[in-house]
Amino acid sequence: MAQYAILIFERETPGGIADIPPEVLEAHGRVEGRVAESGGKLVAGYATQPTAEARSLRGGKVTDGPFIESKEALAGFFVVDARDLDHALEIASFVPIMDGGVEVRPLMG
């Protein structure tokens, strides 16, 4: 099986995780089981701190915030084992999204 990163992008909310509806949190809790049921494997999964906690390096200078500005922020990511890109996309569809999207990227070995 190949490995894929599933990157979760959401609009940041003022209250952070406290603003996430309980049903969305519960759906996130079911992702690993759904991945296994589909024949894949969740290798790792992480939520990220708000962008206010991020620091970027560019040209040897450290700046506050993410590397690029956008309407959505990287909210977290999974690394999964999947049969192929189509299977990774199926797995990505299990991730609940409130107001953003999911990106799937093949990982290099």
C-alpha atoms as a PDB file:
ATOM      1  CA  MET A   1       0.000   0.000   0.000  1.00  0.00           C
ATOM      2  CA  ALA A   2       1.060   3.562  -0.657  1.00  0.00           C
ATOM      3  CA  GLN A   3       0.944   6.379   1.877  1.00  0.00           C
ATOM      4  CA  TYR A   4      -1.059   9.560   1.434  1.00  0.00           C
ATOM      5  CA  ALA A   5      -1.396  12.759   3.436  1.00  0.00           C
ATOM      6  CA  ILE A   6      -4.945  13.946   3.927  1.00  0.00           C
ATOM      7  CA  LEU A   7      -4.744  17.657   4.719  1.00  0.00           C
ATOM      8  CA  ILE A   8      -7.753  19.251   6.391  1.00  0.00           C
ATOM      9  CA  PHE A   9      -8.412  22.942   5.745  1.00  0.00           C
ATOM     10  CA  GLU A  10     -11.097  24.874   7.626  1.00  0.00           C
ATOM     11  CA  ARG A  11     -11.961  28.481   8.320  1.00  0.00           C
ATOM     12  CA  GLU A  12     -10.752  29.324  11.814  1.00  0.00           C
ATOM     13  CA  THR A  13     -13.426  30.073  14.388  1.00  0.00           C
ATOM     14  CA  PRO A  14     -13.045  32.598  17.231  1.00  0.00           C
ATOM     15  CA  GLY A  15     -13.441  29.932  19.935  1.00  0.00           C
ATOM     16  CA  GLY A  16     -11.289  27.304  18.246  1.00  0.00           C
ATOM     17  CA  ILE A  17     -12.243  23.725  19.081  1.00  0.00           C
ATOM     18  CA  ALA A  18     -15.003  24.965  21.401  1.00  0.00           C
ATOM     19  CA  ASP A  19     -16.846  26.202  18.288  1.00  0.00           C
ATOM     20  CA  ILE A  20     -16.853  22.780  16.638  1.00  0.00           C
ATOM     21  CA  PRO A  21     -20.293  21.175  16.913  1.00  0.00           C
ATOM     22  CA  PRO A  22     -20.352  17.933  18.956  1.00  0.00           C
ATOM     23  CA  GLU A  23     -21.600  15.925  15.977  1.00  0.00           C
ATOM     24  CA  VAL A  24     -18.568  17.009  13.930  1.00  0.00           C
ATOM     25  CA  LEU A  25     -16.195  15.990  16.736  1.00  0.00           C
ATOM     26  CA  GLU A  26     -17.985  12.644  17.014  1.00  0.00           C
ATOM     27  CA  ALA A  27     -17.670  12.148  13.251  1.00  0.00           C
ATOM     28  CA  HIS A  28     -13.922  12.810  13.507  1.00  0.00           C
ATOM     29  CA  GLY A  29     -13.778  10.116  16.185  1.00  0.00           C
ATOM     30  CA  ARG A  30     -15.272   7.606  13.746  1.00  0.00           C
ATOM     31  CA  VAL A  31     -12.791   8.270  10.923  1.00  0.00           C
ATOM     32  CA  GLU A  32     -10.224   5.649  12.007  1.00  0.00           C
ATOM     33  CA  GLY A  33     -12.866   2.899  12.100  1.00  0.00           C
ATOM     34  CA  ARG A  34     -14.199   3.894   8.696  1.00  0.00           C
ATOM     35  CA  VAL A  35     -10.667   3.863   7.274  1.00  0.00           C
ATOM     36  CA  ALA A  36     -10.135   0.321   8.593  1.00  0.00           C
ATOM     37  CA  GLU A  37     -13.532  -0.815   7.253  1.00  0.00           C
ATOM     38  CA  SER A  38     -12.512   0.446   3.802  1.00  0.00           C
ATOM     39  CA  GLY A  39      -9.322  -1.639   3.869  1.00  0.00           C
ATOM     40  CA  GLY A  40      -6.979   1.240   4.641  1.00  0.00           C
ATOM     41  CA  LYS A  41      -4.922   2.056   7.699  1.00  0.00           C
ATOM     42  CA  LEU A  42      -4.627   5.292   9.645  1.00  0.00           C
ATOM     43  CA  VAL A  43      -0.890   5.709  10.285  1.00  0.00           C
ATOM     44  CA  ALA A  44      -1.057   9.037  12.145  1.00  0.00           C
ATOM     45  CA  GLY A  45      -3.419  11.927  12.686  1.00  0.00           C
ATOM     46  CA  TYR A  46      -2.891  15.338  14.217  1.00  0.00           C
ATOM     47  CA  ALA A  47      -4.891  18.497  14.798  1.00  0.00           C
ATOM     48  CA  THR A  48      -2.962  21.755  14.614  1.00  0.00           C
ATOM     49  CA  GLN A  49      -2.984  24.748  16.938  1.00  0.00           C
ATOM     50  CA  PRO A  50      -4.551  27.997  15.641  1.00  0.00           C
ATOM     51  CA  THR A  51      -2.587  29.993  13.065  1.00  0.00           C
ATOM     52  CA  ALA A  52      -1.796  32.588  15.747  1.00  0.00           C
ATOM     53  CA  GLU A  53       0.585  29.981  17.207  1.00  0.00           C
ATOM     54  CA  ALA A  54       2.359  29.373  13.879  1.00  0.00           C
ATOM     55  CA  ARG A  55       5.752  30.765  12.928  1.00  0.00           C
ATOM     56  CA  SER A  56       7.245  30.795   9.448  1.00  0.00           C
ATOM     57  CA  LEU A  57      10.798  30.990   8.172  1.00  0.00           C
ATOM     58  CA  ARG A  58      11.463  32.855   4.954  1.00  0.00           C
ATOM     59  CA  GLY A  59      14.826  34.124   3.825  1.00  0.00           C
ATOM     60  CA  GLY A  60      16.283  33.457   7.268  1.00  0.00           C
ATOM     61  CA  LYS A  61      13.649  35.613   8.992  1.00  0.00           C
ATOM     62  CA  VAL A  62      11.055  34.330  11.428  1.00  0.00           C
ATOM     63  CA  THR A  63       7.570  35.801  11.080  1.00  0.00           C
ATOM     64  CA  ASP A  64       4.363  35.262  13.011  1.00  0.00           C
ATOM     65  CA  GLY A  65       1.607  33.230  11.443  1.00  0.00           C
ATOM     66  CA  PRO A  66       1.423  30.689   8.635  1.00  0.00           C
ATOM     67  CA  PHE A  67       3.666  30.754   5.563  1.00  0.00           C
ATOM     68  CA  ILE A  68       0.827  31.907   3.308  1.00  0.00           C
ATOM     69  CA  GLU A  69      -2.364  33.819   4.016  1.00  0.00           C
ATOM     70  CA  SER A  70      -5.632  32.218   2.986  1.00  0.00           C
ATOM     71  CA  LYS A  71      -9.289  32.110   3.959  1.00  0.00           C
ATOM     72  CA  GLU A  72      -8.783  28.616   5.343  1.00  0.00           C
ATOM     73  CA  ALA A  73      -6.115  27.296   7.674  1.00  0.00           C
ATOM     74  CA  LEU A  74      -4.500  23.891   7.995  1.00  0.00           C
ATOM     75  CA  ALA A  75      -6.612  22.406  10.793  1.00  0.00           C
ATOM     76  CA  GLY A  76      -4.972  18.989  10.864  1.00  0.00           C
ATOM     77  CA  PHE A  77      -3.804  16.060   8.821  1.00  0.00           C
ATOM     78  CA  PHE A  78      -3.828  12.289   8.577  1.00  0.00           C
ATOM     79  CA  VAL A  79      -1.311   9.928   7.065  1.00  0.00           C
ATOM     80  CA  VAL A  80      -2.994   6.820   5.683  1.00  0.00           C
ATOM     81  CA  ASP A  81      -2.055   3.632   3.913  1.00  0.00           C
ATOM     82  CA  ALA A  82      -4.296   3.208   0.871  1.00  0.00           C
ATOM     83  CA  ARG A  83      -4.351   0.922  -2.176  1.00  0.00           C
ATOM     84  CA  ASP A  84      -4.161   3.832  -4.615  1.00  0.00           C
ATOM     85  CA  LEU A  85      -5.174   7.462  -5.088  1.00  0.00           C
ATOM     86  CA  ASP A  86      -8.838   6.571  -5.613  1.00  0.00           C
ATOM     87  CA  HIS A  87      -8.849   4.684  -2.308  1.00  0.00           C
ATOM     88  CA  ALA A  88      -7.154   7.650  -0.587  1.00  0.00           C
ATOM     89  CA  LEU A  89      -9.857   9.950  -1.983  1.00  0.00           C
ATOM     90  CA  GLU A  90     -12.527   7.589  -0.635  1.00  0.00           C
ATOM     91  CA  ILE A  91     -10.846   7.745   2.780  1.00  0.00           C
ATOM     92  CA  ALA A  92     -10.652  11.552   2.560  1.00  0.00           C
ATOM     93  CA  SER A  93     -14.411  11.651   2.044  1.00  0.00           C
ATOM     94  CA  PHE A  94     -14.824  10.248   5.585  1.00  0.00           C
ATOM     95  CA  VAL A  95     -13.379  13.438   7.112  1.00  0.00           C
ATOM     96  CA  PRO A  96     -16.150  15.788   8.287  1.00  0.00           C
ATOM     97  CA  ILE A  97     -15.729  19.335   7.021  1.00  0.00           C
ATOM     98  CA  MET A  98     -17.638  22.358   8.324  1.00  0.00           C
ATOM     99  CA  ASP A  99     -16.499  25.187   6.042  1.00  0.00           C
ATOM    100  CA  GLY A 100     -13.399  24.139   4.150  1.00  0.00           C
ATOM    101  CA  GLY A 101     -12.004  21.221   2.241  1.00  0.00           C
ATOM    102  CA  VAL A 102      -9.632  18.282   2.176  1.00  0.00           C
ATOM    103  CA  GLU A 103      -6.514  17.821   0.041  1.00  0.00           C
ATOM    104  CA  VAL A 104      -4.980  14.410  -0.722  1.00  0.00           C
ATOM    105  CA  ARG A 105      -1.279  14.141  -1.537  1.00  0.00           C
ATOM    106  CA  PRO A 106       0.746  11.033  -2.287  1.00  0.00           C
ATOM    107  CA  LEU A 107       3.788  10.812  -0.013  1.00  0.00           C
ATOM    108  CA  MET A 108       7.265  10.001  -1.266  1.00  0.00           C
ATOM    109  CA  GLY A 109       8.883   6.920   0.254  1.00  0.00           C
END
